[in-house]
Amino acid sequence: DMIADETVGTSEEEIMPFLKEKGHPA
């Protein structure tokens, strides 16, 4: 659930908010 895909975005800028929201360990 923490890993983004194309439905979230296809650029680092687009997926960063998702990763922060999910608390991605990376």
mmCIF file of all heavy atoms, coordinates in Angstrom:
data_MODEL
# 
_entry.id   MODEL 
# 
loop_
_atom_site.group_PDB 
_atom_site.id 
_atom_site.type_symbol 
_atom_site.label_atom_id 
_atom_site.label_alt_id 
_atom_site.label_comp_id 
_atom_site.label_asym_id 
_atom_site.label_entity_id 
_atom_site.label_seq_id 
_atom_site.pdbx_PDB_ins_code 
_atom_site.Cartn_x 
_atom_site.Cartn_y 
_atom_site.Cartn_z 
_atom_site.occupancy 
_atom_site.B_iso_or_equiv 
_atom_site.pdbx_formal_charge 
_atom_site.auth_seq_id 
_atom_site.auth_comp_id 
_atom_site.auth_asym_id 
_atom_site.auth_atom_id 
_atom_site.pdbx_PDB_model_num 
ATOM 1   N N   . ASP A 1 1  ? 0.814  -1.222 0.000   1.00 0.00 ? 1  ASP A N   1 
ATOM 2   C CA  . ASP A 1 1  ? 0.000  0.000  0.000   1.00 0.00 ? 1  ASP A CA  1 
ATOM 3   C C   . ASP A 1 1  ? 0.848  1.273  0.000   1.00 0.00 ? 1  ASP A C   1 
ATOM 4   O O   . ASP A 1 1  ? 0.348  2.358  -0.317  1.00 0.00 ? 1  ASP A O   1 
ATOM 5   C CB  . ASP A 1 1  ? -0.919 0.017  1.227   1.00 0.00 ? 1  ASP A CB  1 
ATOM 6   C CG  . ASP A 1 1  ? -1.959 -1.092 1.173   1.00 0.00 ? 1  ASP A CG  1 
ATOM 7   O OD1 . ASP A 1 1  ? -2.398 -1.437 0.058   1.00 0.00 ? 1  ASP A OD1 1 
ATOM 8   O OD2 . ASP A 1 1  ? -2.309 -1.627 2.244   1.00 0.00 ? 1  ASP A OD2 1 
ATOM 9   N N   . MET A 1 2  ? 2.128  1.155  0.351   1.00 0.00 ? 2  MET A N   1 
ATOM 10  C CA  . MET A 1 2  ? 2.998  2.326  0.421   1.00 0.00 ? 2  MET A CA  1 
ATOM 11  C C   . MET A 1 2  ? 3.709  2.618  -0.894  1.00 0.00 ? 2  MET A C   1 
ATOM 12  O O   . MET A 1 2  ? 4.299  3.691  -1.044  1.00 0.00 ? 2  MET A O   1 
ATOM 13  C CB  . MET A 1 2  ? 4.058  2.122  1.517   1.00 0.00 ? 2  MET A CB  1 
ATOM 14  C CG  . MET A 1 2  ? 3.483  1.956  2.915   1.00 0.00 ? 2  MET A CG  1 
ATOM 15  S SD  . MET A 1 2  ? 4.817  1.700  4.106   1.00 0.00 ? 2  MET A SD  1 
ATOM 16  C CE  . MET A 1 2  ? 3.882  1.608  5.636   1.00 0.00 ? 2  MET A CE  1 
ATOM 17  N N   . ILE A 1 3  ? 3.681  1.661  -1.816  1.00 0.00 ? 3  ILE A N   1 
ATOM 18  C CA  . ILE A 1 3  ? 4.400  1.817  -3.080  1.00 0.00 ? 3  ILE A CA  1 
ATOM 19  C C   . ILE A 1 3  ? 3.494  2.496  -4.100  1.00 0.00 ? 3  ILE A C   1 
ATOM 20  O O   . ILE A 1 3  ? 2.376  2.032  -4.366  1.00 0.00 ? 3  ILE A O   1 
ATOM 21  C CB  . ILE A 1 3  ? 4.877  0.451  -3.613  1.00 0.00 ? 3  ILE A CB  1 
ATOM 22  C CG1 . ILE A 1 3  ? 5.839  -0.201 -2.603  1.00 0.00 ? 3  ILE A CG1 1 
ATOM 23  C CG2 . ILE A 1 3  ? 5.563  0.610  -4.968  1.00 0.00 ? 3  ILE A CG2 1 
ATOM 24  C CD1 . ILE A 1 3  ? 6.229  -1.625 -2.959  1.00 0.00 ? 3  ILE A CD1 1 
ATOM 25  N N   . ALA A 1 4  ? 3.947  3.600  -4.655  1.00 0.00 ? 4  ALA A N   1 
ATOM 26  C CA  . ALA A 1 4  ? 3.155  4.329  -5.650  1.00 0.00 ? 4  ALA A CA  1 
ATOM 27  C C   . ALA A 1 4  ? 3.169  3.587  -6.984  1.00 0.00 ? 4  ALA A C   1 
ATOM 28  O O   . ALA A 1 4  ? 4.040  2.757  -7.258  1.00 0.00 ? 4  ALA A O   1 
ATOM 29  C CB  . ALA A 1 4  ? 3.717  5.734  -5.831  1.00 0.00 ? 4  ALA A CB  1 
ATOM 30  N N   . ASP A 1 5  ? 2.188  3.906  -7.807  1.00 0.00 ? 5  ASP A N   1 
ATOM 31  C CA  . ASP A 1 5  ? 2.132  3.366  -9.165  1.00 0.00 ? 5  ASP A CA  1 
ATOM 32  C C   . ASP A 1 5  ? 1.627  4.466  -10.095 1.00 0.00 ? 5  ASP A C   1 
ATOM 33  O O   . ASP A 1 5  ? 1.470  5.622  -9.683  1.00 0.00 ? 5  ASP A O   1 
ATOM 34  C CB  . ASP A 1 5  ? 1.270  2.099  -9.243  1.00 0.00 ? 5  ASP A CB  1 
ATOM 35  C CG  . ASP A 1 5  ? -0.138 2.311  -8.689  1.00 0.00 ? 5  ASP A CG  1 
ATOM 36  O OD1 . ASP A 1 5  ? -0.737 3.371  -8.983  1.00 0.00 ? 5  ASP A OD1 1 
ATOM 37  O OD2 . ASP A 1 5  ? -0.640 1.433  -7.967  1.00 0.00 ? 5  ASP A OD2 1 
ATOM 38  N N   . GLU A 1 6  ? 1.343  4.116  -11.350 1.00 0.00 ? 6  GLU A N   1 
ATOM 39  C CA  . GLU A 1 6  ? 0.971  5.141  -12.320 1.00 0.00 ? 6  GLU A CA  1 
ATOM 40  C C   . GLU A 1 6  ? -0.361 5.807  -12.011 1.00 0.00 ? 6  GLU A C   1 
ATOM 41  O O   . GLU A 1 6  ? -0.646 6.903  -12.513 1.00 0.00 ? 6  GLU A O   1 
ATOM 42  C CB  . GLU A 1 6  ? 0.955  4.559  -13.739 1.00 0.00 ? 6  GLU A CB  1 
ATOM 43  C CG  . GLU A 1 6  ? -0.159 3.559  -14.044 1.00 0.00 ? 6  GLU A CG  1 
ATOM 44  C CD  . GLU A 1 6  ? 0.169  2.143  -13.640 1.00 0.00 ? 6  GLU A CD  1 
ATOM 45  O OE1 . GLU A 1 6  ? 1.129  1.937  -12.849 1.00 0.00 ? 6  GLU A OE1 1 
ATOM 46  O OE2 . GLU A 1 6  ? -0.527 1.219  -14.091 1.00 0.00 ? 6  GLU A OE2 1 
ATOM 47  N N   . THR A 1 7  ? -1.195 5.169  -11.179 1.00 0.00 ? 7  THR A N   1 
ATOM 48  C CA  . THR A 1 7  ? -2.453 5.815  -10.795 1.00 0.00 ? 7  THR A CA  1 
ATOM 49  C C   . THR A 1 7  ? -2.201 6.969  -9.825  1.00 0.00 ? 7  THR A C   1 
ATOM 50  O O   . THR A 1 7  ? -3.046 7.849  -9.657  1.00 0.00 ? 7  THR A O   1 
ATOM 51  C CB  . THR A 1 7  ? -3.420 4.808  -10.148 1.00 0.00 ? 7  THR A CB  1 
ATOM 52  O OG1 . THR A 1 7  ? -2.858 4.335  -8.916  1.00 0.00 ? 7  THR A OG1 1 
ATOM 53  C CG2 . THR A 1 7  ? -3.673 3.623  -11.081 1.00 0.00 ? 7  THR A CG2 1 
ATOM 54  N N   . VAL A 1 8  ? -1.034 6.954  -9.166  1.00 0.00 ? 8  VAL A N   1 
ATOM 55  C CA  . VAL A 1 8  ? -0.643 8.050  -8.264  1.00 0.00 ? 8  VAL A CA  1 
ATOM 56  C C   . VAL A 1 8  ? 0.085  9.134  -9.039  1.00 0.00 ? 8  VAL A C   1 
ATOM 57  O O   . VAL A 1 8  ? -0.169 10.336 -8.873  1.00 0.00 ? 8  VAL A O   1 
ATOM 58  C CB  . VAL A 1 8  ? 0.257  7.519  -7.123  1.00 0.00 ? 8  VAL A CB  1 
ATOM 59  C CG1 . VAL A 1 8  ? 0.748  8.676  -6.252  1.00 0.00 ? 8  VAL A CG1 1 
ATOM 60  C CG2 . VAL A 1 8  ? -0.490 6.491  -6.288  1.00 0.00 ? 8  VAL A CG2 1 
ATOM 61  N N   . GLY A 1 9  ? 1.009  8.713  -9.915  1.00 0.00 ? 9  GLY A N   1 
ATOM 62  C CA  . GLY A 1 9  ? 1.766  9.677  -10.699 1.00 0.00 ? 9  GLY A CA  1 
ATOM 63  C C   . GLY A 1 9  ? 2.898  9.008  -11.452 1.00 0.00 ? 9  GLY A C   1 
ATOM 64  O O   . GLY A 1 9  ? 3.231  7.842  -11.202 1.00 0.00 ? 9  GLY A O   1 
ATOM 65  N N   . THR A 1 10 ? 3.490  9.757  -12.357 1.00 0.00 ? 10 THR A N   1 
ATOM 66  C CA  . THR A 1 10 ? 4.600  9.226  -13.151 1.00 0.00 ? 10 THR A CA  1 
ATOM 67  C C   . THR A 1 10 ? 5.806  10.169 -13.115 1.00 0.00 ? 10 THR A C   1 
ATOM 68  O O   . THR A 1 10 ? 6.614  10.188 -14.034 1.00 0.00 ? 10 THR A O   1 
ATOM 69  C CB  . THR A 1 10 ? 4.169  8.969  -14.615 1.00 0.00 ? 10 THR A CB  1 
ATOM 70  O OG1 . THR A 1 10 ? 3.630  10.181 -15.159 1.00 0.00 ? 10 THR A OG1 1 
ATOM 71  C CG2 . THR A 1 10 ? 3.147  7.855  -14.694 1.00 0.00 ? 10 THR A CG2 1 
ATOM 72  N N   . SER A 1 11 ? 5.904  10.939 -12.045 1.00 0.00 ? 11 SER A N   1 
ATOM 73  C CA  . SER A 1 11 ? 7.087  11.776 -11.829 1.00 0.00 ? 11 SER A CA  1 
ATOM 74  C C   . SER A 1 11 ? 7.373  11.782 -10.331 1.00 0.00 ? 11 SER A C   1 
ATOM 75  O O   . SER A 1 11 ? 6.487  11.486 -9.513  1.00 0.00 ? 11 SER A O   1 
ATOM 76  C CB  . SER A 1 11 ? 6.866  13.202 -12.326 1.00 0.00 ? 11 SER A CB  1 
ATOM 77  O OG  . SER A 1 11 ? 5.941  13.882 -11.487 1.00 0.00 ? 11 SER A OG  1 
ATOM 78  N N   . GLU A 1 12 ? 8.610  12.106 -9.976  1.00 0.00 ? 12 GLU A N   1 
ATOM 79  C CA  . GLU A 1 12 ? 8.966  12.139 -8.562  1.00 0.00 ? 12 GLU A CA  1 
ATOM 80  C C   . GLU A 1 12 ? 8.128  13.182 -7.814  1.00 0.00 ? 12 GLU A C   1 
ATOM 81  O O   . GLU A 1 12 ? 7.713  12.963 -6.672  1.00 0.00 ? 12 GLU A O   1 
ATOM 82  C CB  . GLU A 1 12 ? 10.458 12.433 -8.400  1.00 0.00 ? 12 GLU A CB  1 
ATOM 83  C CG  . GLU A 1 12 ? 11.361 11.298 -8.873  1.00 0.00 ? 12 GLU A CG  1 
ATOM 84  C CD  . GLU A 1 12 ? 12.816 11.507 -8.508  1.00 0.00 ? 12 GLU A CD  1 
ATOM 85  O OE1 . GLU A 1 12 ? 13.182 11.270 -7.341  1.00 0.00 ? 12 GLU A OE1 1 
ATOM 86  O OE2 . GLU A 1 12 ? 13.590 11.922 -9.399  1.00 0.00 ? 12 GLU A OE2 1 
ATOM 87  N N   . GLU A 1 13 ? 7.884  14.312 -8.472  1.00 0.00 ? 13 GLU A N   1 
ATOM 88  C CA  . GLU A 1 13 ? 7.095  15.370 -7.832  1.00 0.00 ? 13 GLU A CA  1 
ATOM 89  C C   . GLU A 1 13 ? 5.672  14.901 -7.544  1.00 0.00 ? 13 GLU A C   1 
ATOM 90  O O   . GLU A 1 13 ? 5.083  15.225 -6.502  1.00 0.00 ? 13 GLU A O   1 
ATOM 91  C CB  . GLU A 1 13 ? 7.057  16.618 -8.729  1.00 0.00 ? 13 GLU A CB  1 
ATOM 92  C CG  . GLU A 1 13 ? 8.397  17.320 -8.896  1.00 0.00 ? 13 GLU A CG  1 
ATOM 93  C CD  . GLU A 1 13 ? 9.338  16.603 -9.852  1.00 0.00 ? 13 GLU A CD  1 
ATOM 94  O OE1 . GLU A 1 13 ? 8.870  15.692 -10.577 1.00 0.00 ? 13 GLU A OE1 1 
ATOM 95  O OE2 . GLU A 1 13 ? 10.535 16.926 -9.872  1.00 0.00 ? 13 GLU A OE2 1 
ATOM 96  N N   . GLU A 1 14 ? 5.111  14.125 -8.472  1.00 0.00 ? 14 GLU A N   1 
ATOM 97  C CA  . GLU A 1 14 ? 3.722  13.670 -8.308  1.00 0.00 ? 14 GLU A CA  1 
ATOM 98  C C   . GLU A 1 14 ? 3.587  12.617 -7.219  1.00 0.00 ? 14 GLU A C   1 
ATOM 99  O O   . GLU A 1 14 ? 2.559  12.557 -6.529  1.00 0.00 ? 14 GLU A O   1 
ATOM 100 C CB  . GLU A 1 14 ? 3.210  13.109 -9.635  1.00 0.00 ? 14 GLU A CB  1 
ATOM 101 C CG  . GLU A 1 14 ? 2.960  14.165 -10.703 1.00 0.00 ? 14 GLU A CG  1 
ATOM 102 C CD  . GLU A 1 14 ? 2.574  13.554 -12.039 1.00 0.00 ? 14 GLU A CD  1 
ATOM 103 O OE1 . GLU A 1 14 ? 2.839  12.350 -12.263 1.00 0.00 ? 14 GLU A OE1 1 
ATOM 104 O OE2 . GLU A 1 14 ? 2.009  14.280 -12.867 1.00 0.00 ? 14 GLU A OE2 1 
ATOM 105 N N   . ILE A 1 15 ? 4.587  11.764 -7.043  1.00 0.00 ? 15 ILE A N   1 
ATOM 106 C CA  . ILE A 1 15 ? 4.429  10.661 -6.085  1.00 0.00 ? 15 ILE A CA  1 
ATOM 107 C C   . ILE A 1 15 ? 4.913  11.011 -4.682  1.00 0.00 ? 15 ILE A C   1 
ATOM 108 O O   . ILE A 1 15 ? 4.549  10.332 -3.719  1.00 0.00 ? 15 ILE A O   1 
ATOM 109 C CB  . ILE A 1 15 ? 5.143  9.381  -6.570  1.00 0.00 ? 15 ILE A CB  1 
ATOM 110 C CG1 . ILE A 1 15 ? 6.663  9.545  -6.576  1.00 0.00 ? 15 ILE A CG1 1 
ATOM 111 C CG2 . ILE A 1 15 ? 4.633  8.965  -7.945  1.00 0.00 ? 15 ILE A CG2 1 
ATOM 112 C CD1 . ILE A 1 15 ? 7.415  8.254  -6.890  1.00 0.00 ? 15 ILE A CD1 1 
ATOM 113 N N   . MET A 1 16 ? 5.697  12.080 -4.548  1.00 0.00 ? 16 MET A N   1 
ATOM 114 C CA  . MET A 1 16 ? 6.249  12.424 -3.231  1.00 0.00 ? 16 MET A CA  1 
ATOM 115 C C   . MET A 1 16 ? 5.166  12.654 -2.160  1.00 0.00 ? 16 MET A C   1 
ATOM 116 O O   . MET A 1 16 ? 5.281  12.140 -1.032  1.00 0.00 ? 16 MET A O   1 
ATOM 117 C CB  . MET A 1 16 ? 7.171  13.636 -3.335  1.00 0.00 ? 16 MET A CB  1 
ATOM 118 C CG  . MET A 1 16 ? 7.822  14.017 -2.004  1.00 0.00 ? 16 MET A CG  1 
ATOM 119 S SD  . MET A 1 16 ? 8.846  12.699 -1.307  1.00 0.00 ? 16 MET A SD  1 
ATOM 120 C CE  . MET A 1 16 ? 10.376 13.025 -2.197  1.00 0.00 ? 16 MET A CE  1 
ATOM 121 N N   . PRO A 1 17 ? 4.096  13.413 -2.441  1.00 0.00 ? 17 PRO A N   1 
ATOM 122 C CA  . PRO A 1 17 ? 3.058  13.586 -1.410  1.00 0.00 ? 17 PRO A CA  1 
ATOM 123 C C   . PRO A 1 17 ? 2.450  12.255 -0.965  1.00 0.00 ? 17 PRO A C   1 
ATOM 124 O O   . PRO A 1 17 ? 2.163  12.065 0.227   1.00 0.00 ? 17 PRO A O   1 
ATOM 125 C CB  . PRO A 1 17 ? 2.015  14.468 -2.114  1.00 0.00 ? 17 PRO A CB  1 
ATOM 126 C CG  . PRO A 1 17 ? 2.787  15.192 -3.171  1.00 0.00 ? 17 PRO A CG  1 
ATOM 127 C CD  . PRO A 1 17 ? 3.823  14.226 -3.644  1.00 0.00 ? 17 PRO A CD  1 
ATOM 128 N N   . PHE A 1 18 ? 2.266  11.340 -1.894  1.00 0.00 ? 18 PHE A N   1 
ATOM 129 C CA  . PHE A 1 18 ? 1.720  10.011 -1.574  1.00 0.00 ? 18 PHE A CA  1 
ATOM 130 C C   . PHE A 1 18 ? 2.669  9.272  -0.633  1.00 0.00 ? 18 PHE A C   1 
ATOM 131 O O   . PHE A 1 18 ? 2.241  8.670  0.364   1.00 0.00 ? 18 PHE A O   1 
ATOM 132 C CB  . PHE A 1 18 ? 1.520  9.224  -2.870  1.00 0.00 ? 18 PHE A CB  1 
ATOM 133 C CG  . PHE A 1 18 ? 1.116  7.786  -2.676  1.00 0.00 ? 18 PHE A CG  1 
ATOM 134 C CD1 . PHE A 1 18 ? -0.215 7.426  -2.561  1.00 0.00 ? 18 PHE A CD1 1 
ATOM 135 C CD2 . PHE A 1 18 ? 2.080  6.776  -2.610  1.00 0.00 ? 18 PHE A CD2 1 
ATOM 136 C CE1 . PHE A 1 18 ? -0.583 6.097  -2.381  1.00 0.00 ? 18 PHE A CE1 1 
ATOM 137 C CE2 . PHE A 1 18 ? 1.727  5.449  -2.446  1.00 0.00 ? 18 PHE A CE2 1 
ATOM 138 C CZ  . PHE A 1 18 ? 0.390  5.114  -2.326  1.00 0.00 ? 18 PHE A CZ  1 
ATOM 139 N N   . LEU A 1 19 ? 3.965  9.312  -0.943  1.00 0.00 ? 19 LEU A N   1 
ATOM 140 C CA  . LEU A 1 19 ? 4.949  8.614  -0.117  1.00 0.00 ? 19 LEU A CA  1 
ATOM 141 C C   . LEU A 1 19 ? 4.993  9.190  1.291   1.00 0.00 ? 19 LEU A C   1 
ATOM 142 O O   . LEU A 1 19 ? 5.090  8.457  2.281   1.00 0.00 ? 19 LEU A O   1 
ATOM 143 C CB  . LEU A 1 19 ? 6.337  8.702  -0.766  1.00 0.00 ? 19 LEU A CB  1 
ATOM 144 C CG  . LEU A 1 19 ? 6.482  8.110  -2.176  1.00 0.00 ? 19 LEU A CG  1 
ATOM 145 C CD1 . LEU A 1 19 ? 7.888  8.363  -2.710  1.00 0.00 ? 19 LEU A CD1 1 
ATOM 146 C CD2 . LEU A 1 19 ? 6.173  6.614  -2.183  1.00 0.00 ? 19 LEU A CD2 1 
ATOM 147 N N   . LYS A 1 20 ? 4.891  10.516 1.390   1.00 0.00 ? 20 LYS A N   1 
ATOM 148 C CA  . LYS A 1 20 ? 4.891  11.157 2.711   1.00 0.00 ? 20 LYS A CA  1 
ATOM 149 C C   . LYS A 1 20 ? 3.633  10.782 3.489   1.00 0.00 ? 20 LYS A C   1 
ATOM 150 O O   . LYS A 1 20 ? 3.685  10.497 4.694   1.00 0.00 ? 20 LYS A O   1 
ATOM 151 C CB  . LYS A 1 20 ? 4.984  12.672 2.553   1.00 0.00 ? 20 LYS A CB  1 
ATOM 152 C CG  . LYS A 1 20 ? 6.345  13.154 2.068   1.00 0.00 ? 20 LYS A CG  1 
ATOM 153 C CD  . LYS A 1 20 ? 6.364  14.679 1.919   1.00 0.00 ? 20 LYS A CD  1 
ATOM 154 C CE  . LYS A 1 20 ? 7.748  15.169 1.484   1.00 0.00 ? 20 LYS A CE  1 
ATOM 155 N NZ  . LYS A 1 20 ? 7.775  16.646 1.292   1.00 0.00 ? 20 LYS A NZ  1 
ATOM 156 N N   . GLU A 1 21 ? 2.499  10.788 2.804   1.00 0.00 ? 21 GLU A N   1 
ATOM 157 C CA  . GLU A 1 21 ? 1.227  10.443 3.462   1.00 0.00 ? 21 GLU A CA  1 
ATOM 158 C C   . GLU A 1 21 ? 1.260  9.016  4.006   1.00 0.00 ? 21 GLU A C   1 
ATOM 159 O O   . GLU A 1 21 ? 0.771  8.734  5.100   1.00 0.00 ? 21 GLU A O   1 
ATOM 160 C CB  . GLU A 1 21 ? 0.078  10.595 2.460   1.00 0.00 ? 21 GLU A CB  1 
ATOM 161 C CG  . GLU A 1 21 ? -1.276 10.189 3.016   1.00 0.00 ? 21 GLU A CG  1 
ATOM 162 C CD  . GLU A 1 21 ? -2.343 10.115 1.931   1.00 0.00 ? 21 GLU A CD  1 
ATOM 163 O OE1 . GLU A 1 21 ? -2.173 10.752 0.857   1.00 0.00 ? 21 GLU A OE1 1 
ATOM 164 O OE2 . GLU A 1 21 ? -3.345 9.404  2.139   1.00 0.00 ? 21 GLU A OE2 1 
ATOM 165 N N   . LYS A 1 22 ? 1.850  8.105  3.223   1.00 0.00 ? 22 LYS A N   1 
ATOM 166 C CA  . LYS A 1 22 ? 1.889  6.697  3.621   1.00 0.00 ? 22 LYS A CA  1 
ATOM 167 C C   . LYS A 1 22 ? 3.023  6.404  4.600   1.00 0.00 ? 22 LYS A C   1 
ATOM 168 O O   . LYS A 1 22 ? 3.082  5.316  5.176   1.00 0.00 ? 22 LYS A O   1 
ATOM 169 C CB  . LYS A 1 22 ? 2.067  5.811  2.383   1.00 0.00 ? 22 LYS A CB  1 
ATOM 170 C CG  . LYS A 1 22 ? 0.917  5.882  1.390   1.00 0.00 ? 22 LYS A CG  1 
ATOM 171 C CD  . LYS A 1 22 ? -0.360 5.292  1.966   1.00 0.00 ? 22 LYS A CD  1 
ATOM 172 C CE  . LYS A 1 22 ? -1.486 5.287  0.944   1.00 0.00 ? 22 LYS A CE  1 
ATOM 173 N NZ  . LYS A 1 22 ? -2.732 4.698  1.494   1.00 0.00 ? 22 LYS A NZ  1 
ATOM 174 N N   . GLY A 1 23 ? 3.928  7.367  4.779   1.00 0.00 ? 23 GLY A N   1 
ATOM 175 C CA  . GLY A 1 23 ? 5.073  7.133  5.646   1.00 0.00 ? 23 GLY A CA  1 
ATOM 176 C C   . GLY A 1 23 ? 6.013  6.084  5.088   1.00 0.00 ? 23 GLY A C   1 
ATOM 177 O O   . GLY A 1 23 ? 6.473  5.183  5.812   1.00 0.00 ? 23 GLY A O   1 
ATOM 178 N N   . HIS A 1 24 ? 6.304  6.193  3.821   1.00 0.00 ? 24 HIS A N   1 
ATOM 179 C CA  . HIS A 1 24 ? 7.152  5.188  3.167   1.00 0.00 ? 24 HIS A CA  1 
ATOM 180 C C   . HIS A 1 24 ? 8.515  5.143  3.846   1.00 0.00 ? 24 HIS A C   1 
ATOM 181 O O   . HIS A 1 24 ? 9.142  6.192  4.100   1.00 0.00 ? 24 HIS A O   1 
ATOM 182 C CB  . HIS A 1 24 ? 7.322  5.511  1.680   1.00 0.00 ? 24 HIS A CB  1 
ATOM 183 C CG  . HIS A 1 24 ? 7.860  4.357  0.882   1.00 0.00 ? 24 HIS A CG  1 
ATOM 184 N ND1 . HIS A 1 24 ? 9.159  3.923  1.003   1.00 0.00 ? 24 HIS A ND1 1 
ATOM 185 C CD2 . HIS A 1 24 ? 7.275  3.534  -0.038  1.00 0.00 ? 24 HIS A CD2 1 
ATOM 186 C CE1 . HIS A 1 24 ? 9.349  2.894  0.200   1.00 0.00 ? 24 HIS A CE1 1 
ATOM 187 N NE2 . HIS A 1 24 ? 8.217  2.632  -0.444  1.00 0.00 ? 24 HIS A NE2 1 
ATOM 188 N N   . PRO A 1 25 ? 9.018  3.929  4.136   1.00 0.00 ? 25 PRO A N   1 
ATOM 189 C CA  . PRO A 1 25 ? 10.291 3.822  4.877   1.00 0.00 ? 25 PRO A CA  1 
ATOM 190 C C   . PRO A 1 25 ? 11.494 4.425  4.151   1.00 0.00 ? 25 PRO A C   1 
ATOM 191 O O   . PRO A 1 25 ? 12.466 4.831  4.802   1.00 0.00 ? 25 PRO A O   1 
ATOM 192 C CB  . PRO A 1 25 ? 10.469 2.311  5.047   1.00 0.00 ? 25 PRO A CB  1 
ATOM 193 C CG  . PRO A 1 25 ? 9.586  1.676  4.008   1.00 0.00 ? 25 PRO A CG  1 
ATOM 194 C CD  . PRO A 1 25 ? 8.430  2.609  3.856   1.00 0.00 ? 25 PRO A CD  1 
ATOM 195 N N   . ALA A 1 26 ? 11.461 4.501  2.815   1.00 0.00 ? 26 ALA A N   1 
ATOM 196 C CA  . ALA A 1 26 ? 12.611 5.033  2.073   1.00 0.00 ? 26 ALA A CA  1 
ATOM 197 C C   . ALA A 1 26 ? 12.917 6.475  2.461   1.00 0.00 ? 26 ALA A C   1 
ATOM 198 O O   . ALA A 1 26 ? 14.077 6.904  2.433   1.00 0.00 ? 26 ALA A O   1 
ATOM 199 C CB  . ALA A 1 26 ? 12.356 4.941  0.567   1.00 0.00 ? 26 ALA A CB  1 
# 
